[in-house]
Amino acid sequence: MSKPTQIKEPKQALAAYLQELLLDSEPETLEQVAAEIDQTLPVAEPESFADIENSPDKHTQALLFEVAGMQLALSLDELDGIENWPDDGLSQIPGHPSYVVGTLSRPQQHTQVIDLTTLITNQSSNSDNNRYILLVDNKQLGLAVSVIRHVVKLEGDNVRWRREPGQRPWLAGMLMSPLSSIISLPELLKIIR
């Protein structure tokens, strides 16, 4: 080691540091470093998702749609069909929770239609804006939506999957572009039932 140098300027400090590195003893070889390692650590297992329903392998594509200005996504695997909002409206059945808009009646099929805005935000919405009904749960349930956008792939860094349930159990994750909330249908069904 050389004797310490009095430093007056930053450039001089950098030059002194680099000079000290150059004058340092011979660098260690890979064999010397390997000999110093006295233990090996086991290979870490990758983190798993809290719920297999939320894994990217399960959801490869999703339908983007809007409800009261919120952009949401639902896996195509969970979608049973799409109906236009009926011109004559929905049948009203008294005694249902506020998030039930009504019943879509078709031959041999009655589908309870849910207002997602009321259900997930606890705010009432204007059902006049609804134009479509997304059929889910073997067409037993319909989700009222105002706009249908397009289908996207849920893959890679564009998706942030939720690992633990929180205040919004229906939220499976976030699609980063376009920014959308990905719905966990099993969790949404638990809230409804």
C-alpha atoms as a PDB file:
ATOM      1  CA  MET A   1       0.000   0.000   0.000  1.00  0.00           C
ATOM      2  CA  SER A   2       1.184   3.462  -0.792  1.00  0.00           C
ATOM      3  CA  LYS A   3       1.162   6.259   1.726  1.00  0.00           C
ATOM      4  CA  PRO A   4      -2.020   8.374   1.985  1.00  0.00           C
ATOM      5  CA  THR A   5      -2.309  11.316  -0.375  1.00  0.00           C
ATOM      6  CA  GLN A   6      -3.618  14.726   0.659  1.00  0.00           C
ATOM      7  CA  ILE A   7      -6.723  15.302  -1.537  1.00  0.00           C
ATOM      8  CA  LYS A   8      -7.746  18.797  -2.585  1.00  0.00           C
ATOM      9  CA  GLU A   9     -10.087  18.258  -5.579  1.00  0.00           C
ATOM     10  CA  PRO A  10     -12.652  15.593  -6.625  1.00  0.00           C
ATOM     11  CA  LYS A  11     -10.625  14.710  -9.739  1.00  0.00           C
ATOM     12  CA  GLN A  12      -7.594  14.191  -7.553  1.00  0.00           C
ATOM     13  CA  ALA A  13      -9.638  11.935  -5.235  1.00  0.00           C
ATOM     14  CA  LEU A  14     -10.797   9.775  -8.142  1.00  0.00           C
ATOM     15  CA  ALA A  15      -7.269   9.523  -9.538  1.00  0.00           C
ATOM     16  CA  ALA A  16      -5.910   8.525  -6.107  1.00  0.00           C
ATOM     17  CA  TYR A  17      -8.618   5.858  -5.724  1.00  0.00           C
ATOM     18  CA  LEU A  18      -7.932   4.362  -9.145  1.00  0.00           C
ATOM     19  CA  GLN A  19      -4.180   4.419  -8.526  1.00  0.00           C
ATOM     20  CA  GLU A  20      -4.716   2.572  -5.243  1.00  0.00           C
ATOM     21  CA  LEU A  21      -6.736  -0.104  -7.078  1.00  0.00           C
ATOM     22  CA  LEU A  22      -3.989  -0.529  -9.663  1.00  0.00           C
ATOM     23  CA  LEU A  23      -1.302  -0.917  -7.017  1.00  0.00           C
ATOM     24  CA  ASP A  24      -3.334  -3.493  -5.089  1.00  0.00           C
ATOM     25  CA  SER A  25      -2.017  -7.046  -4.891  1.00  0.00           C
ATOM     26  CA  GLU A  26      -2.734  -9.712  -7.497  1.00  0.00           C
ATOM     27  CA  PRO A  27      -6.468 -10.377  -7.975  1.00  0.00           C
ATOM     28  CA  GLU A  28      -7.850 -13.621  -6.634  1.00  0.00           C
ATOM     29  CA  THR A  29      -8.457 -16.415  -9.092  1.00  0.00           C
ATOM     30  CA  LEU A  30     -11.749 -18.229  -9.405  1.00  0.00           C
ATOM     31  CA  GLU A  31     -10.211 -21.298  -7.781  1.00  0.00           C
ATOM     32  CA  GLN A  32      -9.125 -19.258  -4.745  1.00  0.00           C
ATOM     33  CA  VAL A  33     -12.599 -17.821  -4.295  1.00  0.00           C
ATOM     34  CA  ALA A  34     -14.254 -21.230  -4.763  1.00  0.00           C
ATOM     35  CA  ALA A  35     -11.965 -22.746  -2.124  1.00  0.00           C
ATOM     36  CA  GLU A  36     -13.177 -20.149   0.393  1.00  0.00           C
ATOM     37  CA  ILE A  37     -16.812 -21.184  -0.016  1.00  0.00           C
ATOM     38  CA  ASP A  38     -17.539 -23.663   2.718  1.00  0.00           C
ATOM     39  CA  GLN A  39     -21.261 -24.275   2.195  1.00  0.00           C
ATOM     40  CA  THR A  40     -23.747 -24.451  -0.624  1.00  0.00           C
ATOM     41  CA  LEU A  41     -27.327 -23.306  -0.377  1.00  0.00           C
ATOM     42  CA  PRO A  42     -30.247 -25.308  -1.760  1.00  0.00           C
ATOM     43  CA  VAL A  43     -31.914 -23.993  -4.879  1.00  0.00           C
ATOM     44  CA  ALA A  44     -34.855 -21.813  -3.916  1.00  0.00           C
ATOM     45  CA  GLU A  45     -38.265 -22.933  -5.079  1.00  0.00           C
ATOM     46  CA  PRO A  46     -40.120 -20.288  -7.105  1.00  0.00           C
ATOM     47  CA  GLU A  47     -43.011 -18.569  -5.396  1.00  0.00           C
ATOM     48  CA  SER A  48     -46.354 -20.058  -6.215  1.00  0.00           C
ATOM     49  CA  PHE A  49     -49.559 -18.136  -6.645  1.00  0.00           C
ATOM     50  CA  ALA A  50     -51.915 -18.119  -3.701  1.00  0.00           C
ATOM     51  CA  ASP A  51     -54.727 -19.457  -5.876  1.00  0.00           C
ATOM     52  CA  ILE A  52     -54.243 -21.572  -9.008  1.00  0.00           C
ATOM     53  CA  GLU A  53     -57.302 -19.868 -10.501  1.00  0.00           C
ATOM     54  CA  ASN A  54     -55.199 -16.717 -10.741  1.00  0.00           C
ATOM     55  CA  SER A  55     -52.231 -18.271 -12.506  1.00  0.00           C
ATOM     56  CA  PRO A  56     -51.263 -17.092 -15.985  1.00  0.00           C
ATOM     57  CA  ASP A  57     -51.550 -20.678 -17.289  1.00  0.00           C
ATOM     58  CA  LYS A  58     -55.236 -20.675 -16.432  1.00  0.00           C
ATOM     59  CA  HIS A  59     -56.019 -17.322 -18.064  1.00  0.00           C
ATOM     60  CA  THR A  60     -54.446 -16.812 -21.440  1.00  0.00           C
ATOM     61  CA  GLN A  61     -56.936 -14.394 -22.981  1.00  0.00           C
ATOM     62  CA  ALA A  62     -59.445 -11.986 -21.509  1.00  0.00           C
ATOM     63  CA  LEU A  63     -62.279  -9.793 -22.707  1.00  0.00           C
ATOM     64  CA  LEU A  64     -61.892  -6.103 -21.867  1.00  0.00           C
ATOM     65  CA  PHE A  65     -65.074  -4.217 -21.047  1.00  0.00           C
ATOM     66  CA  GLU A  66     -66.258  -1.129 -19.197  1.00  0.00           C
ATOM     67  CA  VAL A  67     -68.622  -0.636 -16.307  1.00  0.00           C
ATOM     68  CA  ALA A  68     -69.309   2.948 -15.177  1.00  0.00           C
ATOM     69  CA  GLY A  69     -66.004   4.123 -16.659  1.00  0.00           C
ATOM     70  CA  MET A  70     -63.954   1.340 -15.026  1.00  0.00           C
ATOM     71  CA  GLN A  71     -62.070  -0.913 -17.413  1.00  0.00           C
ATOM     72  CA  LEU A  72     -62.288  -4.564 -16.373  1.00  0.00           C
ATOM     73  CA  ALA A  73     -61.104  -7.888 -17.805  1.00  0.00           C
ATOM     74  CA  LEU A  74     -62.648 -11.351 -17.590  1.00  0.00           C
ATOM     75  CA  SER A  75     -61.027 -14.583 -18.719  1.00  0.00           C
ATOM     76  CA  LEU A  76     -62.519 -15.977 -21.919  1.00  0.00           C
ATOM     77  CA  ASP A  77     -62.461 -19.399 -20.227  1.00  0.00           C
ATOM     78  CA  GLU A  78     -65.055 -18.117 -17.752  1.00  0.00           C
ATOM     79  CA  LEU A  79     -67.289 -16.406 -20.314  1.00  0.00           C
ATOM     80  CA  ASP A  80     -70.306 -18.414 -21.534  1.00  0.00           C
ATOM     81  CA  GLY A  81     -71.646 -15.827 -23.968  1.00  0.00           C
ATOM     82  CA  ILE A  82     -72.647 -12.219 -24.605  1.00  0.00           C
ATOM     83  CA  GLU A  83     -76.205 -10.923 -24.989  1.00  0.00           C
ATOM     84  CA  ASN A  84     -77.334  -7.492 -26.170  1.00  0.00           C
ATOM     85  CA  TRP A  85     -79.337  -5.594 -23.592  1.00  0.00           C
ATOM     86  CA  PRO A  86     -82.985  -6.427 -24.332  1.00  0.00           C
ATOM     87  CA  ASP A  87     -85.054  -3.628 -25.877  1.00  0.00           C
ATOM     88  CA  ASP A  88     -87.921  -4.370 -23.500  1.00  0.00           C
ATOM     89  CA  GLY A  89     -85.609  -4.411 -20.463  1.00  0.00           C
ATOM     90  CA  LEU A  90     -85.250  -7.048 -17.780  1.00  0.00           C
ATOM     91  CA  SER A  91     -87.915  -8.694 -15.652  1.00  0.00           C
ATOM     92  CA  GLN A  92     -87.987  -7.203 -12.172  1.00  0.00           C
ATOM     93  CA  ILE A  93     -88.280  -9.511  -9.196  1.00  0.00           C
ATOM     94  CA  PRO A  94     -88.776  -7.802  -5.820  1.00  0.00           C
ATOM     95  CA  GLY A  95     -86.756  -8.709  -2.769  1.00  0.00           C
ATOM     96  CA  HIS A  96     -83.334  -9.016  -4.421  1.00  0.00           C
ATOM     97  CA  PRO A  97     -80.173  -7.182  -3.273  1.00  0.00           C
ATOM     98  CA  SER A  98     -79.526  -3.738  -4.785  1.00  0.00           C
ATOM     99  CA  TYR A  99     -76.842  -5.102  -7.129  1.00  0.00           C
ATOM    100  CA  VAL A 100     -79.369  -7.348  -8.938  1.00  0.00           C
ATOM    101  CA  VAL A 101     -80.618  -5.372 -11.960  1.00  0.00           C
ATOM    102  CA  GLY A 102     -83.240  -7.930 -12.963  1.00  0.00           C
ATOM    103  CA  THR A 103     -83.719 -11.219 -14.779  1.00  0.00           C
ATOM    104  CA  LEU A 104     -83.023 -11.888 -18.450  1.00  0.00           C
ATOM    105  CA  SER A 105     -85.711 -14.317 -19.597  1.00  0.00           C
ATOM    106  CA  ARG A 106     -85.159 -16.515 -22.625  1.00  0.00           C
ATOM    107  CA  PRO A 107     -86.790 -19.798 -23.587  1.00  0.00           C
ATOM    108  CA  GLN A 108     -85.810 -22.367 -20.964  1.00  0.00           C
ATOM    109  CA  GLN A 109     -83.250 -20.033 -19.379  1.00  0.00           C
ATOM    110  CA  HIS A 110     -83.529 -17.313 -16.745  1.00  0.00           C
ATOM    111  CA  THR A 111     -80.380 -15.360 -15.962  1.00  0.00           C
ATOM    112  CA  GLN A 112     -80.005 -13.092 -12.958  1.00  0.00           C
ATOM    113  CA  VAL A 113     -78.232  -9.895 -14.109  1.00  0.00           C
ATOM    114  CA  ILE A 114     -75.796  -8.202 -11.722  1.00  0.00           C
ATOM    115  CA  ASP A 115     -74.776  -4.533 -11.687  1.00  0.00           C
ATOM    116  CA  LEU A 116     -71.001  -4.727 -11.141  1.00  0.00           C
ATOM    117  CA  THR A 117     -70.750  -1.039 -10.225  1.00  0.00           C
ATOM    118  CA  THR A 118     -73.081  -1.475  -7.263  1.00  0.00           C
ATOM    119  CA  LEU A 119     -71.501  -4.781  -6.273  1.00  0.00           C
ATOM    120  CA  ILE A 120     -67.821  -3.818  -6.335  1.00  0.00           C
ATOM    121  CA  THR A 121     -67.949  -0.112  -5.458  1.00  0.00           C
ATOM    122  CA  ASN A 122     -71.079   0.024  -3.250  1.00  0.00           C
ATOM    123  CA  GLN A 123     -72.288   2.959  -5.376  1.00  0.00           C
ATOM    124  CA  SER A 124     -75.515   2.899  -7.323  1.00  0.00           C
ATOM    125  CA  SER A 125     -75.174   3.211 -11.079  1.00  0.00           C
ATOM    126  CA  ASN A 126     -77.319   4.264 -13.973  1.00  0.00           C
ATOM    127  CA  SER A 127     -78.461   1.023 -15.582  1.00  0.00           C
ATOM    128  CA  ASP A 128     -79.520   3.022 -18.676  1.00  0.00           C
ATOM    129  CA  ASN A 129     -75.843   2.941 -19.725  1.00  0.00           C
ATOM    130  CA  ASN A 130     -75.773  -0.864 -19.861  1.00  0.00           C
ATOM    131  CA  ARG A 131     -75.690  -2.237 -23.408  1.00  0.00           C
ATOM    132  CA  TYR A 132     -74.538  -5.852 -22.957  1.00  0.00           C
ATOM    133  CA  ILE A 133     -74.816  -8.786 -20.593  1.00  0.00           C
ATOM    134  CA  LEU A 134     -71.815 -11.082 -20.127  1.00  0.00           C
ATOM    135  CA  LEU A 135     -73.094 -14.590 -19.382  1.00  0.00           C
ATOM    136  CA  VAL A 136     -71.123 -16.563 -16.784  1.00  0.00           C
ATOM    137  CA  ASP A 137     -71.626 -19.474 -14.370  1.00  0.00           C
ATOM    138  CA  ASN A 138     -73.312 -21.734 -16.963  1.00  0.00           C
ATOM    139  CA  LYS A 139     -75.466 -18.766 -18.058  1.00  0.00           C
ATOM    140  CA  GLN A 140     -77.054 -18.624 -14.596  1.00  0.00           C
ATOM    141  CA  LEU A 141     -75.593 -15.178 -14.015  1.00  0.00           C
ATOM    142  CA  GLY A 142     -75.131 -12.122 -16.203  1.00  0.00           C
ATOM    143  CA  LEU A 143     -72.848  -9.122 -15.690  1.00  0.00           C
ATOM    144  CA  ALA A 144     -74.279  -5.813 -16.913  1.00  0.00           C
ATOM    145  CA  VAL A 145     -71.676  -3.850 -18.908  1.00  0.00           C
ATOM    146  CA  SER A 146     -71.785  -0.611 -20.878  1.00  0.00           C
ATOM    147  CA  VAL A 147     -68.966  -1.118 -23.406  1.00  0.00           C
ATOM    148  CA  ILE A 148     -67.200  -4.182 -24.791  1.00  0.00           C
ATOM    149  CA  ARG A 149     -63.657  -3.392 -25.950  1.00  0.00           C
ATOM    150  CA  HIS A 150     -61.596  -6.303 -27.296  1.00  0.00           C
ATOM    151  CA  VAL A 151     -59.747  -9.490 -26.384  1.00  0.00           C
ATOM    152  CA  VAL A 152     -56.204  -9.292 -24.966  1.00  0.00           C
ATOM    153  CA  LYS A 153     -53.582 -11.843 -23.973  1.00  0.00           C
ATOM    154  CA  LEU A 154     -52.701 -12.013 -20.299  1.00  0.00           C
ATOM    155  CA  GLU A 155     -48.995 -12.668 -20.319  1.00  0.00           C
ATOM    156  CA  GLY A 156     -45.607 -11.672 -18.980  1.00  0.00           C
ATOM    157  CA  ASP A 157     -44.813  -8.354 -17.388  1.00  0.00           C
ATOM    158  CA  ASN A 158     -48.069  -6.859 -18.654  1.00  0.00           C
ATOM    159  CA  VAL A 159     -49.950  -8.616 -15.824  1.00  0.00           C
ATOM    160  CA  ARG A 160     -49.522  -8.209 -12.079  1.00  0.00           C
ATOM    161  CA  TRP A 161     -51.236 -11.159 -10.384  1.00  0.00           C
ATOM    162  CA  ARG A 162     -52.444 -10.754  -6.847  1.00  0.00           C
ATOM    163  CA  ARG A 163     -50.784 -13.123  -4.385  1.00  0.00           C
ATOM    164  CA  GLU A 164     -52.963 -12.603  -1.328  1.00  0.00           C
ATOM    165  CA  PRO A 165     -56.614 -11.673  -0.949  1.00  0.00           C
ATOM    166  CA  GLY A 166     -57.303  -8.172   0.258  1.00  0.00           C
ATOM    167  CA  GLN A 167     -60.234  -5.805   0.590  1.00  0.00           C
ATOM    168  CA  ARG A 168     -61.321  -6.615  -2.968  1.00  0.00           C
ATOM    169  CA  PRO A 169     -61.357 -10.415  -3.207  1.00  0.00           C
ATOM    170  CA  TRP A 170     -62.882 -10.226  -6.710  1.00  0.00           C
ATOM    171  CA  LEU A 171     -59.669  -8.562  -7.979  1.00  0.00           C
ATOM    172  CA  ALA A 172     -57.384 -11.267  -9.420  1.00  0.00           C
ATOM    173  CA  GLY A 173     -54.777  -8.839 -10.705  1.00  0.00           C
ATOM    174  CA  MET A 174     -54.048  -5.861 -12.920  1.00  0.00           C
ATOM    175  CA  LEU A 175     -53.446  -5.669 -16.626  1.00  0.00           C
ATOM    176  CA  MET A 176     -50.886  -2.909 -17.075  1.00  0.00           C
ATOM    177  CA  SER A 177     -51.618  -1.950 -20.683  1.00  0.00           C
ATOM    178  CA  PRO A 178     -54.359  -1.038 -21.172  1.00  0.00           C
ATOM    179  CA  LEU A 179     -54.789  -0.492 -17.444  1.00  0.00           C
ATOM    180  CA  SER A 180     -57.597  -2.842 -16.356  1.00  0.00           C
ATOM    181  CA  SER A 181     -58.688  -4.768 -13.281  1.00  0.00           C
ATOM    182  CA  ILE A 182     -58.811  -8.533 -13.861  1.00  0.00           C
ATOM    183  CA  ILE A 183     -61.868 -10.142 -12.283  1.00  0.00           C
ATOM    184  CA  SER A 184     -61.617 -13.385 -10.332  1.00  0.00           C
ATOM    185  CA  LEU A 185     -64.972 -14.933 -11.204  1.00  0.00           C
ATOM    186  CA  PRO A 186     -64.880 -17.577  -8.415  1.00  0.00           C
ATOM    187  CA  GLU A 187     -64.346 -14.825  -5.825  1.00  0.00           C
ATOM    188  CA  LEU A 188     -67.030 -12.635  -7.392  1.00  0.00           C
ATOM    189  CA  LEU A 189     -69.484 -15.542  -7.228  1.00  0.00           C
ATOM    190  CA  LYS A 190     -68.695 -16.002  -3.503  1.00  0.00           C
ATOM    191  CA  ILE A 191     -69.671 -12.372  -2.891  1.00  0.00           C
ATOM    192  CA  ILE A 192     -72.933 -12.760  -4.823  1.00  0.00           C
ATOM    193  CA  ARG A 193     -73.947 -15.991  -3.125  1.00  0.00           C
END
